């Protein structure tokens, strides 16, 4: 665990830079905030965190922009910093910020003379910034703060990291055994491999498909329980295999298109507010390089007919003019 000492070089540099600015009679916020910003940035990096200046956030239903937000490796906000002028009444300025909705879960308010730390939505301490011991104490308490939900999140992350390799290896062992001893699995797997090669990549190896199965089995419950995302089970290749699971409906956007398949695309005609009916007898075919249409009317609907292989696709556009047209021309 990070523990800064009063003799740490970043604290010495902070006190030296601050004294230099004050010797130049700099008293305004923008002129004096630099040393503390550099101090907090370097201290956060020692913890593996990042200081992001002027990052807006919503707190208490309001949009606020603290001078700095400290975020961890998951880009979660772990604390905030707000600087004030030396001529300001720090206590009064803090109250203004609190009324404006500034977060107080772990926030430093400072005016180069004094820093006030808020944690868990209450004042946690006041620190004179001329004292290296006090500066070190402020930073250590700020950087070590964890709320209960954050502690639980990181505990779950650590546990997940430790368990996933074992779970993946167990799944790999079960799949390897099924390849050797289960004829039904072997037949189902062959069908599944054919589906993956047709849908994703004709060069997929069986080993890669095994990896795909393992990843899907590891993440399916996460997607369905944590994110409540049913599209995951509909659009992923593994659950679409009839052999390895129940038959899931394949979305049109991902469905292999046969030579006789057609995808209707309707477009409302101007001034009508609804689609016109398609009459199969009135279709006029064209190729991608030519287009046939009625000179005296606008098309109200069209159908794309696809003739495709896994590697090549050709499209034929069928335009449907309104019933008023009787003449066509090619362009």
Protein backbone atom coordinates (compact mmCIF):
# COMPACT_ATOMS: atom_id res chain seq x y z
CA UNK A 1 0.00 0.00 0.00
CA UNK A 2 1.30 3.46 -0.94
CA UNK A 3 2.51 5.50 2.03
CA UNK A 4 4.01 8.92 1.33
CA UNK A 5 6.52 10.30 3.81
CA UNK A 6 7.07 14.00 4.65
CA UNK A 7 10.51 13.74 3.03
CA UNK A 8 9.14 12.45 -0.27
CA UNK A 9 10.61 14.44 -3.19
CA UNK A 10 7.17 15.33 -4.58
CA UNK A 11 6.19 17.00 -1.28
CA UNK A 12 9.48 18.87 -1.10
CA UNK A 13 8.99 20.08 -4.68
CA UNK A 14 5.43 21.20 -3.89
CA UNK A 15 6.48 23.30 -0.89
CA UNK A 16 9.40 24.80 -2.82
CA UNK A 17 7.27 25.73 -5.86
CA UNK A 18 4.52 27.18 -3.69
CA UNK A 19 6.97 29.33 -1.76
CA UNK A 20 8.50 30.58 -5.00
CA UNK A 21 5.11 31.71 -6.35
CA UNK A 22 4.24 33.45 -3.10
CA UNK A 23 7.55 35.26 -3.19
CA UNK A 24 6.38 36.64 -6.53
CA UNK A 25 3.23 37.88 -4.75
CA UNK A 26 0.98 35.53 -6.73
CA UNK A 27 -2.33 35.24 -4.90
CA UNK A 28 -4.97 34.32 -7.51
CA UNK A 29 -6.32 30.78 -7.92
CA UNK A 30 -5.08 30.10 -11.45
CA UNK A 31 -1.59 31.25 -10.52
CA UNK A 32 -1.34 29.13 -7.36
CA UNK A 33 -3.17 25.94 -8.32
CA UNK A 34 -0.25 24.58 -10.36
CA UNK A 35 1.94 23.28 -7.49
CA UNK A 36 -0.89 21.33 -5.83
CA UNK A 37 -2.05 19.99 -9.18
CA UNK A 38 1.46 18.69 -9.88
CA UNK A 39 1.67 17.23 -6.37
CA UNK A 40 -1.66 15.42 -6.66
CA UNK A 41 -0.84 14.20 -10.17
CA UNK A 42 2.47 12.65 -9.09
CA UNK A 43 0.98 11.18 -5.91
CA UNK A 44 -1.89 9.61 -7.87
CA UNK A 45 0.55 8.05 -10.35
CA UNK A 46 2.38 6.40 -7.47
CA UNK A 47 -0.92 4.66 -6.68
CA UNK A 48 -1.51 3.78 -10.34
CA UNK A 49 -4.24 6.40 -10.67
CA UNK A 50 -4.63 9.42 -12.95
CA UNK A 51 -5.49 13.05 -12.27
CA UNK A 52 -7.81 14.45 -14.96
CA UNK A 53 -8.12 18.27 -14.82
CA UNK A 54 -11.46 20.03 -15.38
CA UNK A 55 -13.50 16.86 -15.89
CA UNK A 56 -17.22 17.52 -15.65
CA UNK A 57 -19.39 15.18 -13.61
CA UNK A 58 -22.95 14.94 -12.35
CA UNK A 59 -23.43 14.92 -8.61
CA UNK A 60 -26.74 15.30 -6.82
CA UNK A 61 -28.46 15.81 -10.15
CA UNK A 62 -26.24 18.77 -11.04
CA UNK A 63 -23.37 19.18 -13.49
CA UNK A 64 -20.18 20.36 -11.82
CA UNK A 65 -16.57 20.76 -12.97
CA UNK A 66 -14.02 20.27 -10.17
CA UNK A 67 -10.46 21.42 -10.79
CA UNK A 68 -9.31 17.79 -10.78
CA UNK A 69 -10.74 14.27 -10.73
CA UNK A 70 -8.60 11.33 -9.66
CA UNK A 71 -9.53 8.12 -11.50
CA UNK A 72 -8.31 4.58 -11.03
CA UNK A 73 -7.26 2.03 -13.66
CA UNK A 74 -10.92 1.26 -14.38
CA UNK A 75 -11.60 5.00 -15.00
CA UNK A 76 -13.72 5.16 -11.87
CA UNK A 77 -13.60 8.46 -9.99
CA UNK A 78 -11.87 7.92 -6.65
CA UNK A 79 -11.62 11.53 -5.52
CA UNK A 80 -11.85 15.21 -6.46
CA UNK A 81 -9.87 18.38 -5.86
CA UNK A 82 -11.03 22.00 -5.85
CA UNK A 83 -8.71 25.01 -5.49
CA UNK A 84 -9.70 28.46 -4.19
CA UNK A 85 -8.03 31.89 -3.99
CA UNK A 86 -5.92 32.71 -0.95
CA UNK A 87 -8.06 35.81 -0.46
CA UNK A 88 -11.27 33.75 -0.29
CA UNK A 89 -12.92 32.59 2.90
CA UNK A 90 -12.32 28.87 2.43
CA UNK A 91 -15.17 27.76 4.71
CA UNK A 92 -17.65 30.00 2.89
CA UNK A 93 -16.40 28.86 -0.52
CA UNK A 94 -16.77 25.22 0.50
CA UNK A 95 -20.39 25.82 1.47
CA UNK A 96 -21.03 27.40 -1.93
CA UNK A 97 -19.56 24.38 -3.66
CA UNK A 98 -21.59 21.99 -1.55
CA UNK A 99 -24.79 23.85 -2.44
CA UNK A 100 -23.74 23.70 -6.09
CA UNK A 101 -23.64 19.92 -5.83
CA UNK A 102 -19.91 19.19 -5.66
CA UNK A 103 -19.16 15.58 -4.63
CA UNK A 104 -18.03 14.98 -1.04
CA UNK A 105 -17.31 11.25 -1.13
CA UNK A 106 -13.58 12.00 -1.20
CA UNK A 107 -12.78 15.64 -1.99
CA UNK A 108 -9.98 18.09 -1.15
CA UNK A 109 -10.79 21.80 -0.97
CA UNK A 110 -7.67 23.95 -0.61
CA UNK A 111 -6.46 27.56 -0.86
CA UNK A 112 -2.67 26.89 -0.60
CA UNK A 113 -2.80 27.74 3.14
CA UNK A 114 -5.22 25.08 4.30
CA UNK A 115 -6.79 21.95 2.87
CA UNK A 116 -10.15 20.60 4.05
CA UNK A 117 -10.83 16.95 3.30
CA UNK A 118 -14.36 15.61 2.91
CA UNK A 119 -14.96 11.86 2.97
CA UNK A 120 -18.18 9.86 3.03
CA UNK A 121 -20.14 13.13 2.68
CA UNK A 122 -18.77 14.68 5.87
CA UNK A 123 -15.74 16.76 6.82
CA UNK A 124 -12.88 14.42 7.68
CA UNK A 125 -10.05 16.78 8.59
CA UNK A 126 -8.24 20.07 8.13
CA UNK A 127 -4.57 20.18 7.10
CA UNK A 128 -2.13 23.15 7.13
CA UNK A 129 -0.29 23.02 3.82
CA UNK A 130 2.95 24.60 5.07
CA UNK A 131 3.73 21.47 7.09
CA UNK A 132 5.23 18.55 5.14
CA UNK A 133 3.92 16.09 7.73
CA UNK A 134 0.39 17.40 7.27
CA UNK A 135 0.66 17.34 3.48
CA UNK A 136 1.77 13.71 3.59
CA UNK A 137 -1.09 12.83 5.96
CA UNK A 138 -3.63 14.52 3.68
CA UNK A 139 -2.45 12.69 0.56
CA UNK A 140 -2.23 9.29 2.28
CA UNK A 141 -5.73 9.56 3.65
CA UNK A 142 -7.09 10.80 0.32
CA UNK A 143 -5.42 8.07 -1.76
CA UNK A 144 -6.29 5.23 0.65
CA UNK A 145 -9.98 6.00 0.85
CA UNK A 146 -12.37 3.29 -0.35
CA UNK A 147 -16.13 3.30 -0.15
CA UNK A 148 -17.92 0.05 0.55
CA UNK A 149 -19.17 -0.37 -3.03
CA UNK A 150 -15.69 0.30 -4.41
CA UNK A 151 -14.15 -2.22 -2.02
CA UNK A 152 -16.70 -4.83 -3.07
CA UNK A 153 -16.08 -4.10 -6.76
CA UNK A 154 -12.33 -4.53 -6.47
CA UNK A 155 -12.74 -7.65 -4.31
CA UNK A 156 -14.97 -9.18 -7.00
CA UNK A 157 -12.48 -8.19 -9.72
CA UNK A 158 -9.59 -9.84 -7.88
CA UNK A 159 -11.61 -12.98 -7.25
CA UNK A 160 -12.71 -13.14 -10.88
CA UNK A 161 -9.13 -12.78 -12.12
CA UNK A 162 -8.01 -15.66 -9.93
CA UNK A 163 -10.89 -17.97 -10.89
CA UNK A 164 -11.16 -17.45 -14.65
CA UNK A 165 -7.97 -19.37 -15.60
CA UNK A 166 -9.12 -22.40 -13.58
CA UNK A 167 -12.63 -22.26 -15.04
CA UNK A 168 -11.26 -21.96 -18.58
CA UNK A 169 -8.94 -24.93 -18.08
CA UNK A 170 -11.78 -27.03 -16.67
CA UNK A 171 -13.93 -26.24 -19.70
CA UNK A 172 -11.03 -27.08 -22.01
CA UNK A 173 -10.59 -30.47 -20.32
CA UNK A 174 -14.31 -31.26 -20.64
CA UNK A 175 -14.33 -30.30 -24.33
CA UNK A 176 -11.20 -32.36 -25.05
CA UNK A 177 -12.76 -35.37 -23.36
CA UNK A 178 -15.98 -34.93 -25.35
CA UNK A 179 -13.99 -34.81 -28.59
CA UNK A 180 -12.51 -38.22 -27.74
CA UNK A 181 -15.41 -40.07 -26.12
CA UNK A 182 -18.73 -38.59 -27.19
CA UNK A 183 -19.88 -39.32 -30.77
CA UNK A 184 -22.90 -37.03 -30.49
CA UNK A 185 -20.66 -34.14 -29.48
CA UNK A 186 -18.27 -34.85 -32.36
CA UNK A 187 -21.14 -34.73 -34.85
CA UNK A 188 -22.57 -31.58 -33.29
CA UNK A 189 -19.15 -29.96 -33.20
CA UNK A 190 -18.59 -30.66 -36.92
CA UNK A 191 -21.88 -28.90 -37.71
CA UNK A 192 -20.91 -26.02 -35.47
CA UNK A 193 -17.49 -25.62 -37.12
CA UNK A 194 -19.18 -25.52 -40.52
CA UNK A 195 -21.51 -22.76 -39.27
CA UNK A 196 -18.61 -20.73 -37.86
CA UNK A 197 -16.61 -21.02 -41.07
CA UNK A 198 -19.60 -20.00 -43.19
CA UNK A 199 -20.54 -17.10 -40.89
CA UNK A 200 -17.18 -15.78 -39.73
CA UNK A 201 -14.06 -17.07 -41.45
CA UNK A 202 -13.54 -20.08 -43.76
CA UNK A 203 -10.02 -20.51 -42.36
CA UNK A 204 -11.10 -21.05 -38.72
CA UNK A 205 -9.39 -24.04 -37.15
CA UNK A 206 -11.08 -26.44 -34.77
CA UNK A 207 -8.77 -25.24 -31.98
CA UNK A 208 -9.99 -21.67 -32.48
CA UNK A 209 -13.59 -22.84 -32.39
CA UNK A 210 -12.84 -24.60 -29.09
CA UNK A 211 -11.57 -21.27 -27.75
CA UNK A 212 -14.74 -19.58 -28.97
CA UNK A 213 -16.85 -22.11 -27.10
CA UNK A 214 -14.87 -21.57 -23.90
CA UNK A 215 -15.17 -17.78 -24.13
CA UNK A 216 -18.88 -17.98 -24.78
CA UNK A 217 -19.53 -20.34 -21.88
CA UNK A 218 -17.54 -18.08 -19.56
CA UNK A 219 -19.26 -14.84 -20.60
CA UNK A 220 -22.85 -15.88 -21.39
CA UNK A 221 -23.96 -15.78 -17.76
CA UNK A 222 -22.22 -12.44 -17.24
CA UNK A 223 -24.04 -10.91 -20.20
CA UNK A 224 -27.44 -12.31 -19.27
CA UNK A 225 -27.23 -11.63 -15.53
CA UNK A 226 -25.18 -8.44 -15.25
CA UNK A 227 -26.10 -6.56 -18.42
CA UNK A 228 -29.48 -8.22 -19.12
CA UNK A 229 -28.59 -8.22 -22.82
CA UNK A 230 -30.63 -10.84 -24.73
CA UNK A 231 -29.03 -9.79 -28.02
CA UNK A 232 -25.84 -11.50 -26.85
CA UNK A 233 -27.54 -14.89 -27.02
CA UNK A 234 -29.27 -14.11 -30.32
CA UNK A 235 -26.35 -12.67 -32.27
CA UNK A 236 -23.36 -14.77 -31.09
CA UNK A 237 -22.47 -17.73 -33.27
CA UNK A 238 -22.30 -20.43 -30.53
CA UNK A 239 -25.94 -20.18 -29.40
CA UNK A 240 -27.10 -20.12 -33.03
CA UNK A 241 -25.80 -23.65 -33.59
CA UNK A 242 -28.76 -26.04 -33.58
CA UNK A 243 -26.45 -28.91 -32.78
CA UNK A 244 -24.87 -27.44 -29.66
CA UNK A 245 -27.90 -25.69 -28.22
CA UNK A 246 -31.55 -25.07 -28.88
CA UNK A 247 -32.30 -23.36 -32.21
CA UNK A 248 -32.09 -19.61 -31.74
CA UNK A 249 -33.71 -17.35 -34.37
CA UNK A 250 -31.01 -15.87 -36.58
CA UNK A 251 -31.32 -12.10 -37.18
CA UNK A 252 -31.91 -11.12 -40.79
CA UNK A 253 -28.78 -8.95 -40.75
CA UNK A 254 -26.62 -12.03 -40.05
CA UNK A 255 -28.61 -14.72 -41.88
CA UNK A 256 -26.83 -16.41 -44.83
CA UNK A 257 -28.57 -15.24 -47.99
CA UNK A 258 -29.51 -17.78 -50.65
CA UNK A 259 -29.98 -17.04 -54.31
CA UNK A 260 -33.76 -16.82 -53.87
CA UNK A 261 -33.80 -14.75 -50.70
CA UNK A 262 -35.04 -11.19 -50.74
CA UNK A 263 -34.96 -8.44 -48.15
CA UNK A 264 -37.82 -5.94 -48.40
CA UNK A 265 -36.94 -2.31 -47.84
CA UNK A 266 -39.92 0.02 -47.80
CA UNK A 267 -39.81 3.73 -48.34
CA UNK A 268 -42.86 5.98 -47.97
CA UNK A 269 -43.73 8.02 -51.04
CA UNK A 270 -43.84 11.77 -50.76
CA UNK A 271 -47.19 13.19 -49.77
CA UNK A 272 -48.75 9.84 -48.87
CA UNK A 273 -47.50 9.16 -45.34
CA UNK A 274 -47.64 5.36 -45.78
CA UNK A 275 -46.07 2.64 -47.88
CA UNK A 276 -47.67 1.60 -51.11
CA UNK A 277 -48.43 -2.04 -51.78
CA UNK A 278 -45.90 -4.02 -53.78
CA UNK A 279 -47.22 -5.70 -56.86
CA UNK A 280 -44.98 -8.56 -58.01
CA UNK A 281 -46.21 -8.10 -61.58
CA UNK A 282 -45.15 -4.48 -61.65
CA UNK A 283 -41.47 -5.06 -60.72
CA UNK A 284 -38.93 -3.85 -63.21
CA UNK A 285 -35.50 -5.44 -62.76
CA UNK A 286 -32.20 -3.66 -63.08
CA UNK A 287 -28.54 -4.38 -62.44
CA UNK A 288 -26.08 -2.42 -60.27
CA UNK A 289 -24.89 -0.57 -63.36
CA UNK A 290 -28.33 0.23 -64.77
CA UNK A 291 -31.58 1.28 -63.21
CA UNK A 292 -35.08 1.11 -64.69
CA UNK A 293 -37.86 3.29 -63.40
CA UNK A 294 -41.01 5.09 -64.43
CA UNK A 295 -40.43 8.49 -65.97
CA UNK A 296 -43.77 9.78 -64.70
CA UNK A 297 -43.78 8.45 -61.14
CA UNK A 298 -41.64 7.87 -58.12
CA UNK A 299 -40.87 4.40 -56.71
CA UNK A 300 -42.74 3.76 -53.47
CA UNK A 301 -40.99 0.53 -52.45
CA UNK A 302 -38.03 -1.56 -53.43
CA UNK A 303 -36.72 -5.04 -52.77
CA UNK A 304 -33.09 -6.10 -52.69
CA UNK A 305 -32.58 -9.61 -54.05
CA UNK A 306 -29.25 -11.12 -53.14
CA UNK A 307 -27.33 -13.83 -54.89
CA UNK A 308 -24.28 -14.50 -52.81
CA UNK A 309 -21.56 -16.86 -51.76
CA UNK A 310 -19.56 -16.55 -48.51
CA UNK A 311 -17.01 -14.41 -50.38
CA UNK A 312 -18.90 -12.60 -53.10
CA UNK A 313 -22.24 -10.85 -53.28
CA UNK A 314 -24.19 -9.36 -56.17
CA UNK A 315 -27.33 -7.36 -55.63
CA UNK A 316 -30.30 -6.82 -57.95
CA UNK A 317 -32.56 -3.87 -57.29
CA UNK A 318 -36.22 -4.26 -58.08
CA UNK A 319 -38.07 -0.94 -58.15
CA UNK A 320 -41.85 -0.74 -57.91
CA UNK A 321 -43.41 2.32 -59.55
CA UNK A 322 -46.89 3.44 -58.79
CA UNK A 323 -49.81 2.17 -60.83
CA UNK A 324 -50.00 5.42 -62.83
CA UNK A 325 -46.85 4.60 -64.85
CA UNK A 326 -47.03 2.87 -68.17
CA UNK A 327 -43.69 3.77 -69.71
CA UNK A 328 -40.15 3.09 -68.53
CA UNK A 329 -36.74 4.23 -69.60
CA UNK A 330 -33.25 3.09 -68.72
CA UNK A 331 -30.56 5.40 -67.43
